[in-house]
Amino acid sequence: MRSAGHIGQLHTLDTAGELPFLTSNPRFAYAVVATHNMVGAAETARYSYVDGKTDVTWEVGERVDTAVWITVFIVLIALINLFPVKVG
């Protein structure tokens, strides 16, 4: 049975109870979502589209390894989190 629900179940399509720790621990799900988003951002930096008429490429993005982009995003997120937050 496949199901997807709240954030604790976001990345689990539990077919036969194989991965119950994903649905019972929402913090783990947040970690999975965060890393998934960083990989997605890194792959977006490497995006290219060529169809004969249109050529959309970013040379720097294609030459740099995905691990470097993930590191850049982790450092950027860490630096943003160092800024103070003014509450109310």
PDB file of N, CA and C in Angstrom:
ATOM      1  N   MET A   1       0.836  -1.181   0.000  1.00  0.00           N
ATOM      2  CA  MET A   1       0.000   0.000   0.000  1.00  0.00           C
ATOM      3  C   MET A   1       0.875   1.235   0.000  1.00  0.00           C
ATOM      4  N   ARG A   2       0.665   2.128  -0.948  1.00  0.00           N
ATOM      5  CA  ARG A   2       1.459   3.342  -1.037  1.00  0.00           C
ATOM      6  C   ARG A   2       0.708   4.493  -0.396  1.00  0.00           C
ATOM      7  N   SER A   3       1.440   5.285   0.388  1.00  0.00           N
ATOM      8  CA  SER A   3       0.810   6.438   1.015  1.00  0.00           C
ATOM      9  C   SER A   3       1.847   7.534   1.177  1.00  0.00           C
ATOM     10  N   ALA A   4       1.380   8.757   1.096  1.00  0.00           N
ATOM     11  CA  ALA A   4       2.228   9.914   1.366  1.00  0.00           C
ATOM     12  C   ALA A   4       1.368  10.927   2.099  1.00  0.00           C
ATOM     13  N   GLY A   5       1.898  11.479   3.160  1.00  0.00           N
ATOM     14  CA  GLY A   5       1.082  12.384   3.954  1.00  0.00           C
ATOM     15  C   GLY A   5       1.871  13.585   4.423  1.00  0.00           C
ATOM     16  N   HIS A   6       1.884  13.834   5.722  1.00  0.00           N
ATOM     17  CA  HIS A   6       2.576  14.995   6.277  1.00  0.00           C
ATOM     18  C   HIS A   6       4.077  14.880   6.038  1.00  0.00           C
ATOM     19  N   ILE A   7       4.816  15.871   6.504  1.00  0.00           N
ATOM     20  CA  ILE A   7       6.247  15.951   6.202  1.00  0.00           C
ATOM     21  C   ILE A   7       6.997  14.708   6.669  1.00  0.00           C
ATOM     22  N   GLY A   8       6.532  14.050   7.705  1.00  0.00           N
ATOM     23  CA  GLY A   8       7.184  12.832   8.168  1.00  0.00           C
ATOM     24  C   GLY A   8       7.063  11.703   7.172  1.00  0.00           C
ATOM     25  N   GLN A   9       6.098  11.800   6.283  1.00  0.00           N
ATOM     26  CA  GLN A   9       5.890  10.768   5.279  1.00  0.00           C
ATOM     27  C   GLN A   9       6.183  11.274   3.867  1.00  0.00           C
ATOM     28  N   LEU A  10       6.759  12.467   3.759  1.00  0.00           N
ATOM     29  CA  LEU A  10       6.921  13.098   2.454  1.00  0.00           C
ATOM     30  C   LEU A  10       7.728  12.252   1.476  1.00  0.00           C
ATOM     31  N   HIS A  11       8.829  11.703   1.926  1.00  0.00           N
ATOM     32  CA  HIS A  11       9.687  10.951   1.018  1.00  0.00           C
ATOM     33  C   HIS A  11       9.576   9.455   1.223  1.00  0.00           C
ATOM     34  N   THR A  12       8.509   9.004   1.804  1.00  0.00           N
ATOM     35  CA  THR A  12       8.347   7.574   1.984  1.00  0.00           C
ATOM     36  C   THR A  12       7.104   7.114   1.265  1.00  0.00           C
ATOM     37  N   LEU A  13       7.272   6.262   0.360  1.00  0.00           N
ATOM     38  CA  LEU A  13       6.163   5.540  -0.232  1.00  0.00           C
ATOM     39  C   LEU A  13       6.347   4.118   0.273  1.00  0.00           C
ATOM     40  N   ASP A  14       5.916   3.916   1.493  1.00  0.00           N
ATOM     41  CA  ASP A  14       6.152   2.677   2.223  1.00  0.00           C
ATOM     42  C   ASP A  14       5.297   1.569   1.633  1.00  0.00           C
ATOM     43  N   THR A  15       5.914   0.625   0.962  1.00  0.00           N
ATOM     44  CA  THR A  15       5.158  -0.409   0.268  1.00  0.00           C
ATOM     45  C   THR A  15       4.750  -1.554   1.174  1.00  0.00           C
ATOM     46  N   ALA A  16       5.574  -1.902   2.149  1.00  0.00           N
ATOM     47  CA  ALA A  16       5.207  -3.016   3.022  1.00  0.00           C
ATOM     48  C   ALA A  16       5.795  -2.833   4.414  1.00  0.00           C
ATOM     49  N   GLY A  17       5.874  -1.595   4.883  1.00  0.00           N
ATOM     50  CA  GLY A  17       6.458  -1.338   6.199  1.00  0.00           C
ATOM     51  C   GLY A  17       7.954  -1.512   6.214  1.00  0.00           C
ATOM     52  N   GLU A  18       8.613  -1.370   5.048  1.00  0.00           N
ATOM     53  CA  GLU A  18      10.055  -1.597   4.985  1.00  0.00           C
ATOM     54  C   GLU A  18      10.845  -0.492   5.664  1.00  0.00           C
ATOM     55  N   LEU A  19      10.338   0.748   5.635  1.00  0.00           N
ATOM     56  CA  LEU A  19      11.065   1.881   6.181  1.00  0.00           C
ATOM     57  C   LEU A  19      10.228   2.637   7.213  1.00  0.00           C
ATOM     58  N   PRO A  20       9.871   2.001   8.306  1.00  0.00           N
ATOM     59  CA  PRO A  20       9.006   2.687   9.270  1.00  0.00           C
ATOM     60  C   PRO A  20       9.697   3.837   9.982  1.00  0.00           C
ATOM     61  N   PHE A  21      11.048   3.856  10.043  1.00  0.00           N
ATOM     62  CA  PHE A  21      11.740   4.935  10.735  1.00  0.00           C
ATOM     63  C   PHE A  21      11.569   6.264  10.021  1.00  0.00           C
ATOM     64  N   LEU A  22      11.306   6.245   8.722  1.00  0.00           N
ATOM     65  CA  LEU A  22      11.093   7.486   8.000  1.00  0.00           C
ATOM     66  C   LEU A  22       9.765   8.134   8.376  1.00  0.00           C
ATOM     67  N   THR A  23       8.742   7.350   8.558  1.00  0.00           N
ATOM     68  CA  THR A  23       7.438   7.900   8.876  1.00  0.00           C
ATOM     69  C   THR A  23       7.303   8.227  10.351  1.00  0.00           C
ATOM     70  N   SER A  24       8.089   7.612  11.212  1.00  0.00           N
ATOM     71  CA  SER A  24       7.955   7.854  12.642  1.00  0.00           C
ATOM     72  C   SER A  24       8.883   8.956  13.142  1.00  0.00           C
ATOM     73  N   ASN A  25       9.799   9.461  12.317  1.00  0.00           N
ATOM     74  CA  ASN A  25      10.746  10.478  12.750  1.00  0.00           C
ATOM     75  C   ASN A  25      10.737  11.652  11.776  1.00  0.00           C
ATOM     76  N   PRO A  26       9.939  12.693  12.045  1.00  0.00           N
ATOM     77  CA  PRO A  26       9.867  13.827  11.123  1.00  0.00           C
ATOM     78  C   PRO A  26      11.187  14.571  10.982  1.00  0.00           C
ATOM     79  N   ARG A  27      12.040  14.563  12.022  1.00  0.00           N
ATOM     80  CA  ARG A  27      13.332  15.256  11.902  1.00  0.00           C
ATOM     81  C   ARG A  27      14.201  14.591  10.840  1.00  0.00           C
ATOM     82  N   PHE A  28      14.140  13.287  10.772  1.00  0.00           N
ATOM     83  CA  PHE A  28      14.886  12.581   9.733  1.00  0.00           C
ATOM     84  C   PHE A  28      14.349  12.967   8.362  1.00  0.00           C
ATOM     85  N   ALA A  29      13.039  13.112   8.252  1.00  0.00           N
ATOM     86  CA  ALA A  29      12.439  13.506   6.981  1.00  0.00           C
ATOM     87  C   ALA A  29      12.910  14.900   6.580  1.00  0.00           C
ATOM     88  N   TYR A  30      13.023  15.829   7.543  1.00  0.00           N
ATOM     89  CA  TYR A  30      13.530  17.165   7.233  1.00  0.00           C
ATOM     90  C   TYR A  30      14.968  17.085   6.731  1.00  0.00           C
ATOM     91  N   ALA A  31      15.781  16.229   7.301  1.00  0.00           N
ATOM     92  CA  ALA A  31      17.163  16.067   6.842  1.00  0.00           C
ATOM     93  C   ALA A  31      17.194  15.535   5.417  1.00  0.00           C
ATOM     94  N   VAL A  32      16.312  14.604   5.110  1.00  0.00           N
ATOM     95  CA  VAL A  32      16.243  14.060   3.753  1.00  0.00           C
ATOM     96  C   VAL A  32      15.804  15.137   2.772  1.00  0.00           C
ATOM     97  N   VAL A  33      14.798  15.911   3.159  1.00  0.00           N
ATOM     98  CA  VAL A  33      14.293  16.971   2.283  1.00  0.00           C
ATOM     99  C   VAL A  33      15.364  18.030   2.058  1.00  0.00           C
ATOM    100  N   ALA A  34      16.086  18.423   3.110  1.00  0.00           N
ATOM    101  CA  ALA A  34      17.118  19.452   2.975  1.00  0.00           C
ATOM    102  C   ALA A  34      18.232  18.996   2.034  1.00  0.00           C
ATOM    103  N   THR A  35      18.707  17.780   2.205  1.00  0.00           N
ATOM    104  CA  THR A  35      19.773  17.306   1.321  1.00  0.00           C
ATOM    105  C   THR A  35      19.265  17.120  -0.108  1.00  0.00           C
ATOM    106  N   HIS A  36      18.036  16.688  -0.234  1.00  0.00           N
ATOM    107  CA  HIS A  36      17.450  16.535  -1.567  1.00  0.00           C
ATOM    108  C   HIS A  36      17.375  17.887  -2.269  1.00  0.00           C
ATOM    109  N   ASN A  37      17.022  18.936  -1.540  1.00  0.00           N
ATOM    110  CA  ASN A  37      16.953  20.270  -2.128  1.00  0.00           C
ATOM    111  C   ASN A  37      18.325  20.788  -2.523  1.00  0.00           C
ATOM    112  N   MET A  38      19.359  20.481  -1.740  1.00  0.00           N
ATOM    113  CA  MET A  38      20.706  20.921  -2.100  1.00  0.00           C
ATOM    114  C   MET A  38      21.196  20.226  -3.362  1.00  0.00           C
ATOM    115  N   VAL A  39      20.920  18.956  -3.483  1.00  0.00           N
ATOM    116  CA  VAL A  39      21.300  18.224  -4.694  1.00  0.00           C
ATOM    117  C   VAL A  39      20.536  18.778  -5.886  1.00  0.00           C
ATOM    118  N   GLY A  40      19.266  19.090  -5.703  1.00  0.00           N
ATOM    119  CA  GLY A  40      18.471  19.687  -6.776  1.00  0.00           C
ATOM    120  C   GLY A  40      19.015  21.037  -7.210  1.00  0.00           C
ATOM    121  N   ALA A  41      19.425  21.861  -6.251  1.00  0.00           N
ATOM    122  CA  ALA A  41      20.009  23.162  -6.583  1.00  0.00           C
ATOM    123  C   ALA A  41      21.332  22.990  -7.324  1.00  0.00           C
ATOM    124  N   ALA A  42      22.133  22.028  -6.902  1.00  0.00           N
ATOM    125  CA  ALA A  42      23.412  21.782  -7.573  1.00  0.00           C
ATOM    126  C   ALA A  42      23.196  21.305  -9.004  1.00  0.00           C
ATOM    127  N   GLU A  43      22.218  20.452  -9.205  1.00  0.00           N
ATOM    128  CA  GLU A  43      21.934  19.979 -10.564  1.00  0.00           C
ATOM    129  C   GLU A  43      21.351  21.098 -11.434  1.00  0.00           C
ATOM    130  N   THR A  44      20.625  22.031 -10.811  1.00  0.00           N
ATOM    131  CA  THR A  44      20.101  23.174 -11.553  1.00  0.00           C
ATOM    132  C   THR A  44      21.242  24.047 -12.055  1.00  0.00           C
ATOM    133  N   ALA A  45      22.314  24.172 -11.275  1.00  0.00           N
ATOM    134  CA  ALA A  45      23.470  24.957 -11.704  1.00  0.00           C
ATOM    135  C   ALA A  45      24.136  24.327 -12.920  1.00  0.00           C
ATOM    136  N   ARG A  46      23.966  23.033 -13.109  1.00  0.00           N
ATOM    137  CA  ARG A  46      24.565  22.338 -14.257  1.00  0.00           C
ATOM    138  C   ARG A  46      23.602  22.225 -15.441  1.00  0.00           C
ATOM    139  N   TYR A  47      22.464  22.892 -15.367  1.00  0.00           N
ATOM    140  CA  TYR A  47      21.416  22.779 -16.373  1.00  0.00           C
ATOM    141  C   TYR A  47      21.897  23.262 -17.747  1.00  0.00           C
ATOM    142  N   SER A  48      21.526  22.545 -18.771  1.00  0.00           N
ATOM    143  CA  SER A  48      21.756  22.998 -20.143  1.00  0.00           C
ATOM    144  C   SER A  48      20.602  22.501 -21.008  1.00  0.00           C
ATOM    145  N   TYR A  49      20.266  23.299 -22.017  1.00  0.00           N
ATOM    146  CA  TYR A  49      19.167  22.951 -22.916  1.00  0.00           C
ATOM    147  C   TYR A  49      19.573  23.318 -24.331  1.00  0.00           C
ATOM    148  N   VAL A  50      19.619  22.341 -25.199  1.00  0.00           N
ATOM    149  CA  VAL A  50      19.965  22.560 -26.601  1.00  0.00           C
ATOM    150  C   VAL A  50      18.971  21.781 -27.446  1.00  0.00           C
ATOM    151  N   ASP A  51      18.265  22.471 -28.334  1.00  0.00           N
ATOM    152  CA  ASP A  51      17.304  21.778 -29.186  1.00  0.00           C
ATOM    153  C   ASP A  51      17.434  22.152 -30.658  1.00  0.00           C
ATOM    154  N   GLY A  52      18.534  22.707 -31.070  1.00  0.00           N
ATOM    155  CA  GLY A  52      18.704  23.082 -32.471  1.00  0.00           C
ATOM    156  C   GLY A  52      18.512  24.574 -32.686  1.00  0.00           C
ATOM    157  N   LYS A  53      17.416  25.119 -32.144  1.00  0.00           N
ATOM    158  CA  LYS A  53      17.150  26.556 -32.251  1.00  0.00           C
ATOM    159  C   LYS A  53      17.589  27.303 -31.001  1.00  0.00           C
ATOM    160  N   THR A  54      17.448  26.665 -29.859  1.00  0.00           N
ATOM    161  CA  THR A  54      17.739  27.305 -28.586  1.00  0.00           C
ATOM    162  C   THR A  54      18.942  26.625 -27.944  1.00  0.00           C
ATOM    163  N   ASP A  55      19.848  27.438 -27.422  1.00  0.00           N
ATOM    164  CA  ASP A  55      21.031  26.921 -26.748  1.00  0.00           C
ATOM    165  C   ASP A  55      21.183  27.648 -25.418  1.00  0.00           C
ATOM    166  N   VAL A  56      20.768  27.013 -24.343  1.00  0.00           N
ATOM    167  CA  VAL A  56      20.872  27.597 -23.015  1.00  0.00           C
ATOM    168  C   VAL A  56      21.860  26.743 -22.223  1.00  0.00           C
ATOM    169  N   THR A  57      23.052  27.245 -22.044  1.00  0.00           N
ATOM    170  CA  THR A  57      24.062  26.536 -21.254  1.00  0.00           C
ATOM    171  C   THR A  57      24.824  27.551 -20.415  1.00  0.00           C
ATOM    172  N   TRP A  58      25.318  27.086 -19.308  1.00  0.00           N
ATOM    173  CA  TRP A  58      26.187  27.888 -18.465  1.00  0.00           C
ATOM    174  C   TRP A  58      27.482  27.118 -18.348  1.00  0.00           C
ATOM    175  N   GLU A  59      28.511  27.616 -19.016  1.00  0.00           N
ATOM    176  CA  GLU A  59      29.785  26.895 -19.105  1.00  0.00           C
ATOM    177  C   GLU A  59      30.386  26.600 -17.733  1.00  0.00           C
ATOM    178  N   VAL A  60      30.355  27.574 -16.828  1.00  0.00           N
ATOM    179  CA  VAL A  60      30.927  27.372 -15.497  1.00  0.00           C
ATOM    180  C   VAL A  60      30.157  26.281 -14.760  1.00  0.00           C
ATOM    181  N   GLY A  61      28.839  26.318 -14.859  1.00  0.00           N
ATOM    182  CA  GLY A  61      28.021  25.333 -14.177  1.00  0.00           C
ATOM    183  C   GLY A  61      28.266  23.919 -14.663  1.00  0.00           C
ATOM    184  N   GLU A  62      28.564  23.774 -15.941  1.00  0.00           N
ATOM    185  CA  GLU A  62      28.814  22.441 -16.485  1.00  0.00           C
ATOM    186  C   GLU A  62      30.192  21.917 -16.137  1.00  0.00           C
ATOM    187  N   ARG A  63      31.166  22.799 -15.981  1.00  0.00           N
ATOM    188  CA  ARG A  63      32.537  22.357 -15.697  1.00  0.00           C
ATOM    189  C   ARG A  63      32.764  22.021 -14.231  1.00  0.00           C
ATOM    190  N   VAL A  64      31.979  22.626 -13.337  1.00  0.00           N
ATOM    191  CA  VAL A  64      32.179  22.439 -11.895  1.00  0.00           C
ATOM    192  C   VAL A  64      31.417  21.196 -11.444  1.00  0.00           C
ATOM    193  N   ASP A  65      32.056  20.395 -10.597  1.00  0.00           N
ATOM    194  CA  ASP A  65      31.461  19.161 -10.106  1.00  0.00           C
ATOM    195  C   ASP A  65      30.280  19.438  -9.171  1.00  0.00           C
ATOM    196  N   THR A  66      29.331  18.526  -9.128  1.00  0.00           N
ATOM    197  CA  THR A  66      28.140  18.675  -8.293  1.00  0.00           C
ATOM    198  C   THR A  66      28.506  18.802  -6.819  1.00  0.00           C
ATOM    199  N   ALA A  67      29.522  18.086  -6.360  1.00  0.00           N
ATOM    200  CA  ALA A  67      29.934  18.159  -4.950  1.00  0.00           C
ATOM    201  C   ALA A  67      30.392  19.564  -4.580  1.00  0.00           C
ATOM    202  N   VAL A  68      30.999  20.266  -5.506  1.00  0.00           N
ATOM    203  CA  VAL A  68      31.428  21.642  -5.245  1.00  0.00           C
ATOM    204  C   VAL A  68      30.213  22.543  -5.065  1.00  0.00           C
ATOM    205  N   TRP A  69      29.200  22.370  -5.906  1.00  0.00           N
ATOM    206  CA  TRP A  69      27.986  23.179  -5.776  1.00  0.00           C
ATOM    207  C   TRP A  69      27.284  22.902  -4.450  1.00  0.00           C
ATOM    208  N   ILE A  70      27.221  21.640  -4.046  1.00  0.00           N
ATOM    209  CA  ILE A  70      26.590  21.303  -2.767  1.00  0.00           C
ATOM    210  C   ILE A  70      27.353  21.964  -1.624  1.00  0.00           C
ATOM    211  N   THR A  71      28.677  21.948  -1.678  1.00  0.00           N
ATOM    212  CA  THR A  71      29.491  22.603  -0.655  1.00  0.00           C
ATOM    213  C   THR A  71      29.231  24.101  -0.631  1.00  0.00           C
ATOM    214  N   VAL A  72      29.145  24.714  -1.789  1.00  0.00           N
ATOM    215  CA  VAL A  72      28.854  26.156  -1.863  1.00  0.00           C
ATOM    216  C   VAL A  72      27.508  26.456  -1.213  1.00  0.00           C
ATOM    217  N   PHE A  73      26.487  25.656  -1.504  1.00  0.00           N
ATOM    218  CA  PHE A  73      25.169  25.896  -0.923  1.00  0.00           C
ATOM    219  C   PHE A  73      25.165  25.659   0.583  1.00  0.00           C
ATOM    220  N   ILE A  74      25.895  24.658   1.073  1.00  0.00           N
ATOM    221  CA  ILE A  74      25.977  24.421   2.517  1.00  0.00           C
ATOM    222  C   ILE A  74      26.642  25.604   3.213  1.00  0.00           C
ATOM    223  N   VAL A  75      27.723  26.101   2.648  1.00  0.00           N
ATOM    224  CA  VAL A  75      28.412  27.260   3.233  1.00  0.00           C
ATOM    225  C   VAL A  75      27.504  28.486   3.193  1.00  0.00           C
ATOM    226  N   LEU A  76      26.814  28.694   2.096  1.00  0.00           N
ATOM    227  CA  LEU A  76      25.904  29.830   1.978  1.00  0.00           C
ATOM    228  C   LEU A  76      24.780  29.753   3.009  1.00  0.00           C
ATOM    229  N   ILE A  77      24.200  28.590   3.187  1.00  0.00           N
ATOM    230  CA  ILE A  77      23.142  28.409   4.185  1.00  0.00           C
ATOM    231  C   ILE A  77      23.692  28.638   5.588  1.00  0.00           C
ATOM    232  N   ALA A  78      24.884  28.150   5.869  1.00  0.00           N
ATOM    233  CA  ALA A  78      25.491  28.349   7.187  1.00  0.00           C
ATOM    234  C   ALA A  78      25.745  29.836   7.442  1.00  0.00           C
ATOM    235  N   LEU A  79      26.231  30.562   6.439  1.00  0.00           N
ATOM    236  CA  LEU A  79      26.478  31.996   6.610  1.00  0.00           C
ATOM    237  C   LEU A  79      25.180  32.769   6.825  1.00  0.00           C
ATOM    238  N   ILE A  80      24.137  32.421   6.102  1.00  0.00           N
ATOM    239  CA  ILE A  80      22.849  33.086   6.296  1.00  0.00           C
ATOM    240  C   ILE A  80      22.316  32.835   7.703  1.00  0.00           C
ATOM    241  N   ASN A  81      22.534  31.638   8.226  1.00  0.00           N
ATOM    242  CA  ASN A  81      22.054  31.301   9.562  1.00  0.00           C
ATOM    243  C   ASN A  81      22.844  32.025  10.666  1.00  0.00           C
ATOM    244  N   LEU A  82      23.983  32.622  10.339  1.00  0.00           N
ATOM    245  CA  LEU A  82      24.741  33.366  11.337  1.00  0.00           C
ATOM    246  C   LEU A  82      24.177  34.768  11.581  1.00  0.00           C
ATOM    247  N   PHE A  83      23.357  35.284  10.667  1.00  0.00           N
ATOM    248  CA  PHE A  83      22.775  36.605  10.834  1.00  0.00           C
ATOM    249  C   PHE A  83      21.761  36.597  11.972  1.00  0.00           C
ATOM    250  N   PRO A  84      21.738  37.668  12.753  1.00  0.00           N
ATOM    251  CA  PRO A  84      20.768  37.728  13.864  1.00  0.00           C
ATOM    252  C   PRO A  84      19.345  37.907  13.339  1.00  0.00           C
ATOM    253  N   VAL A  85      18.417  37.418  14.108  1.00  0.00           N
ATOM    254  CA  VAL A  85      17.000  37.538  13.763  1.00  0.00           C
ATOM    255  C   VAL A  85      16.345  38.427  14.793  1.00  0.00           C
ATOM    256  N   LYS A  86      15.660  39.459  14.314  1.00  0.00           N
ATOM    257  CA  LYS A  86      14.969  40.372  15.226  1.00  0.00           C
ATOM    258  C   LYS A  86      13.532  39.900  15.359  1.00  0.00           C
ATOM    259  N   VAL A  87      13.129  39.590  16.584  1.00  0.00           N
ATOM    260  CA  VAL A  87      11.781  39.111  16.840  1.00  0.00           C
ATOM    261  C   VAL A  87      10.979  40.227  17.488  1.00  0.00           C
ATOM    262  N   GLY A  88       9.862  40.513  16.896  1.00  0.00           N
ATOM    263  CA  GLY A  88       8.844  41.367  17.344  1.00  0.00           C
ATOM    264  C   GLY A  88       9.007  42.632  17.956  1.00  0.00           C
TER     265      GLY A  88
END
